[in-house]
Amino acid sequence: MEVISLPIEIDKEKFDGYFRLVMATVKRAKDLAQGAQPVMESKAQKVTIRALEEVLSDKVQILTGEAAVKAEEEAAKFVHKNIMDEARQKEEMSEDMTELEKDLKVFMSERGERDSKKTIEDIFGEE
């Protein structure tokens, strides 16, 4: 079992308290749990320990104040843009599919008329 001895020394210029350290570690741990690549080698197996090591070693960028607010807004715009792009692609695909479906129905009906005139022997053949 991995254990981190407390108290952890923190850089007062980077973190104004343990709460900010915990919040930064939680965000990084979520990223790691969702598949983000670690930015440094570690013996830690658990994502929370790995995240704490990365945050304390200055390997990940921590934004605070106005910079954090701007970054959140940009991320929201990016996510919204991606969602709108996906919706637009699905809409275009459905229009293409309806044209394809119409062509397929015409083909199948024409083929069905030709095939209906064939006998079973014509279809399966005699061996």
C-alpha atoms as a PDB file:
ATOM      1  CA  MET A   1       0.000   0.000   0.000  1.00  0.00           C
ATOM      2  CA  GLU A   2       1.325   3.401  -0.936  1.00  0.00           C
ATOM      3  CA  VAL A   3       1.497   5.951   1.814  1.00  0.00           C
ATOM      4  CA  ILE A   4       2.528   9.570   1.653  1.00  0.00           C
ATOM      5  CA  SER A   5       3.965  10.945   4.831  1.00  0.00           C
ATOM      6  CA  LEU A   6       2.384  14.167   6.012  1.00  0.00           C
ATOM      7  CA  PRO A   7       2.897  17.065   6.236  1.00  0.00           C
ATOM      8  CA  ILE A   8       3.813  17.653   2.620  1.00  0.00           C
ATOM      9  CA  GLU A   9       5.860  20.765   2.074  1.00  0.00           C
ATOM     10  CA  ILE A  10       4.246  23.054  -0.470  1.00  0.00           C
ATOM     11  CA  ASP A  11       5.547  26.040  -2.351  1.00  0.00           C
ATOM     12  CA  LYS A  12       3.692  29.041  -0.901  1.00  0.00           C
ATOM     13  CA  GLU A  13       4.174  30.985  -4.153  1.00  0.00           C
ATOM     14  CA  LYS A  14       2.482  28.275  -6.178  1.00  0.00           C
ATOM     15  CA  PHE A  15      -0.221  27.215  -3.725  1.00  0.00           C
ATOM     16  CA  ASP A  16      -1.849  29.550  -1.255  1.00  0.00           C
ATOM     17  CA  GLY A  17      -2.965  26.618   0.862  1.00  0.00           C
ATOM     18  CA  TYR A  18      -3.578  22.906   1.034  1.00  0.00           C
ATOM     19  CA  PHE A  19      -7.054  23.300  -0.448  1.00  0.00           C
ATOM     20  CA  ARG A  20      -5.633  24.511  -3.772  1.00  0.00           C
ATOM     21  CA  LEU A  21      -3.110  21.658  -3.722  1.00  0.00           C
ATOM     22  CA  VAL A  22      -5.881  19.126  -3.131  1.00  0.00           C
ATOM     23  CA  MET A  23      -8.053  20.616  -5.907  1.00  0.00           C
ATOM     24  CA  ALA A  24      -5.167  20.588  -8.396  1.00  0.00           C
ATOM     25  CA  THR A  25      -4.364  16.996  -7.457  1.00  0.00           C
ATOM     26  CA  VAL A  26      -8.001  15.952  -7.830  1.00  0.00           C
ATOM     27  CA  LYS A  27      -8.219  17.489 -11.320  1.00  0.00           C
ATOM     28  CA  ARG A  28      -4.987  15.824 -12.391  1.00  0.00           C
ATOM     29  CA  ALA A  29      -6.084  12.475 -10.916  1.00  0.00           C
ATOM     30  CA  LYS A  30      -9.339  12.683 -12.895  1.00  0.00           C
ATOM     31  CA  ASP A  31      -7.375  13.379 -16.067  1.00  0.00           C
ATOM     32  CA  LEU A  32      -5.092  10.409 -15.416  1.00  0.00           C
ATOM     33  CA  ALA A  33      -8.051   8.152 -14.612  1.00  0.00           C
ATOM     34  CA  GLN A  34      -9.692   9.161 -17.899  1.00  0.00           C
ATOM     35  CA  GLY A  35      -6.632   8.179 -19.902  1.00  0.00           C
ATOM     36  CA  ALA A  36      -4.284  11.183 -19.862  1.00  0.00           C
ATOM     37  CA  GLN A  37      -0.634  10.238 -20.171  1.00  0.00           C
ATOM     38  CA  PRO A  38       1.593  10.700 -17.114  1.00  0.00           C
ATOM     39  CA  VAL A  39       4.170  13.463 -17.567  1.00  0.00           C
ATOM     40  CA  MET A  40       6.843  11.837 -15.429  1.00  0.00           C
ATOM     41  CA  GLU A  41       8.074   8.441 -14.339  1.00  0.00           C
ATOM     42  CA  SER A  42       6.760   7.236 -11.015  1.00  0.00           C
ATOM     43  CA  LYS A  43       6.727   4.122  -8.888  1.00  0.00           C
ATOM     44  CA  ALA A  44       3.175   4.977  -7.839  1.00  0.00           C
ATOM     45  CA  GLN A  45       0.432   2.669  -9.044  1.00  0.00           C
ATOM     46  CA  LYS A  46      -2.534   4.731  -7.892  1.00  0.00           C
ATOM     47  CA  VAL A  47      -3.591   7.741  -9.926  1.00  0.00           C
ATOM     48  CA  THR A  48      -4.029   9.927  -6.851  1.00  0.00           C
ATOM     49  CA  ILE A  49      -0.444   9.401  -5.710  1.00  0.00           C
ATOM     50  CA  ARG A  50       0.874   9.873  -9.254  1.00  0.00           C
ATOM     51  CA  ALA A  51      -1.194  13.063  -9.612  1.00  0.00           C
ATOM     52  CA  LEU A  52       0.101  14.443  -6.324  1.00  0.00           C
ATOM     53  CA  GLU A  53       3.700  13.733  -7.356  1.00  0.00           C
ATOM     54  CA  GLU A  54       3.173  15.463 -10.705  1.00  0.00           C
ATOM     55  CA  VAL A  55       1.543  18.520  -9.126  1.00  0.00           C
ATOM     56  CA  LEU A  56       4.220  18.871  -6.436  1.00  0.00           C
ATOM     57  CA  SER A  57       7.081  18.448  -8.905  1.00  0.00           C
ATOM     58  CA  ASP A  58       5.817  21.294 -11.135  1.00  0.00           C
ATOM     59  CA  LYS A  59       5.363  18.918 -14.093  1.00  0.00           C
ATOM     60  CA  VAL A  60       1.790  20.095 -14.712  1.00  0.00           C
ATOM     61  CA  GLN A  61       0.682  23.683 -15.105  1.00  0.00           C
ATOM     62  CA  ILE A  62      -1.660  24.975 -12.420  1.00  0.00           C
ATOM     63  CA  LEU A  63      -3.748  28.012 -13.321  1.00  0.00           C
ATOM     64  CA  THR A  64      -5.309  30.216 -10.678  1.00  0.00           C
ATOM     65  CA  GLY A  65      -7.372  33.355 -10.581  1.00  0.00           C
ATOM     66  CA  GLU A  66      -8.238  35.101 -13.847  1.00  0.00           C
ATOM     67  CA  ALA A  67      -6.080  32.747 -15.917  1.00  0.00           C
ATOM     68  CA  ALA A  68      -8.076  29.765 -14.628  1.00  0.00           C
ATOM     69  CA  VAL A  69     -11.386  31.470 -15.426  1.00  0.00           C
ATOM     70  CA  LYS A  70     -10.239  32.258 -18.979  1.00  0.00           C
ATOM     71  CA  ALA A  71      -8.986  28.702 -19.479  1.00  0.00           C
ATOM     72  CA  GLU A  72     -12.335  27.285 -18.323  1.00  0.00           C
ATOM     73  CA  GLU A  73     -14.203  29.587 -20.727  1.00  0.00           C
ATOM     74  CA  GLU A  74     -11.954  28.570 -23.631  1.00  0.00           C
ATOM     75  CA  ALA A  75     -12.419  24.907 -22.783  1.00  0.00           C
ATOM     76  CA  ALA A  76     -16.205  25.354 -22.706  1.00  0.00           C
ATOM     77  CA  LYS A  77     -16.114  27.078 -26.109  1.00  0.00           C
ATOM     78  CA  PHE A  78     -13.980  24.254 -27.492  1.00  0.00           C
ATOM     79  CA  VAL A  79     -16.348  21.588 -26.160  1.00  0.00           C
ATOM     80  CA  HIS A  80     -19.373  23.479 -27.504  1.00  0.00           C
ATOM     81  CA  LYS A  81     -17.709  23.812 -30.922  1.00  0.00           C
ATOM     82  CA  ASN A  82     -16.960  20.081 -31.016  1.00  0.00           C
ATOM     83  CA  ILE A  83     -20.545  19.217 -30.082  1.00  0.00           C
ATOM     84  CA  MET A  84     -21.900  21.522 -32.798  1.00  0.00           C
ATOM     85  CA  ASP A  85     -19.494  20.048 -35.378  1.00  0.00           C
ATOM     86  CA  GLU A  86     -20.595  16.515 -34.497  1.00  0.00           C
ATOM     87  CA  ALA A  87     -24.276  17.491 -34.751  1.00  0.00           C
ATOM     88  CA  ARG A  88     -23.663  19.119 -38.132  1.00  0.00           C
ATOM     89  CA  GLN A  89     -21.858  16.003 -39.383  1.00  0.00           C
ATOM     90  CA  LYS A  90     -24.702  13.753 -38.233  1.00  0.00           C
ATOM     91  CA  GLU A  91     -27.216  16.006 -39.967  1.00  0.00           C
ATOM     92  CA  GLU A  92     -25.246  15.935 -43.217  1.00  0.00           C
ATOM     93  CA  MET A  93     -24.845  12.178 -42.908  1.00  0.00           C
ATOM     94  CA  SER A  94     -28.585  11.679 -42.442  1.00  0.00           C
ATOM     95  CA  GLU A  95     -29.283  13.718 -45.593  1.00  0.00           C
ATOM     96  CA  ASP A  96     -26.778  11.588 -47.498  1.00  0.00           C
ATOM     97  CA  MET A  97     -28.328   8.449 -46.051  1.00  0.00           C
ATOM     98  CA  THR A  98     -31.809   9.424 -47.205  1.00  0.00           C
ATOM     99  CA  GLU A  99     -30.504   9.837 -50.764  1.00  0.00           C
ATOM    100  CA  LEU A 100     -28.727   6.522 -50.468  1.00  0.00           C
ATOM    101  CA  GLU A 101     -31.859   4.869 -49.096  1.00  0.00           C
ATOM    102  CA  LYS A 102     -33.916   6.212 -52.016  1.00  0.00           C
ATOM    103  CA  ASP A 103     -31.391   4.884 -54.531  1.00  0.00           C
ATOM    104  CA  LEU A 104     -31.318   1.531 -52.758  1.00  0.00           C
ATOM    105  CA  LYS A 105     -35.115   1.262 -52.773  1.00  0.00           C
ATOM    106  CA  VAL A 106     -35.222   2.000 -56.505  1.00  0.00           C
ATOM    107  CA  PHE A 107     -32.492  -0.569 -57.148  1.00  0.00           C
ATOM    108  CA  MET A 108     -34.189  -3.194 -55.002  1.00  0.00           C
ATOM    109  CA  SER A 109     -37.589  -2.629 -56.628  1.00  0.00           C
ATOM    110  CA  GLU A 110     -36.080  -2.877 -60.135  1.00  0.00           C
ATOM    111  CA  ARG A 111     -34.155  -5.976 -59.155  1.00  0.00           C
ATOM    112  CA  GLY A 112     -37.236  -7.447 -57.503  1.00  0.00           C
ATOM    113  CA  GLU A 113     -39.228  -7.107 -60.736  1.00  0.00           C
ATOM    114  CA  ARG A 114     -36.504  -8.902 -62.686  1.00  0.00           C
ATOM    115  CA  ASP A 115     -36.030 -11.570 -60.034  1.00  0.00           C
ATOM    116  CA  SER A 116     -39.755 -12.241 -59.689  1.00  0.00           C
ATOM    117  CA  LYS A 117     -39.817 -13.512 -63.280  1.00  0.00           C
ATOM    118  CA  LYS A 118     -37.170 -16.123 -62.527  1.00  0.00           C
ATOM    119  CA  THR A 119     -38.063 -19.595 -61.443  1.00  0.00           C
ATOM    120  CA  ILE A 120     -36.573 -21.418 -58.490  1.00  0.00           C
ATOM    121  CA  GLU A 121     -34.401 -23.453 -60.854  1.00  0.00           C
ATOM    122  CA  ASP A 122     -33.029 -20.233 -62.372  1.00  0.00           C
ATOM    123  CA  ILE A 123     -32.098 -18.906 -58.965  1.00  0.00           C
ATOM    124  CA  PHE A 124     -30.611 -22.053 -57.426  1.00  0.00           C
ATOM    125  CA  GLY A 125     -29.668 -23.891 -60.569  1.00  0.00           C
ATOM    126  CA  GLU A 126     -29.703 -27.611 -61.108  1.00  0.00           C
ATOM    127  CA  GLU A 127     -26.661 -29.593 -60.209  1.00  0.00           C
END
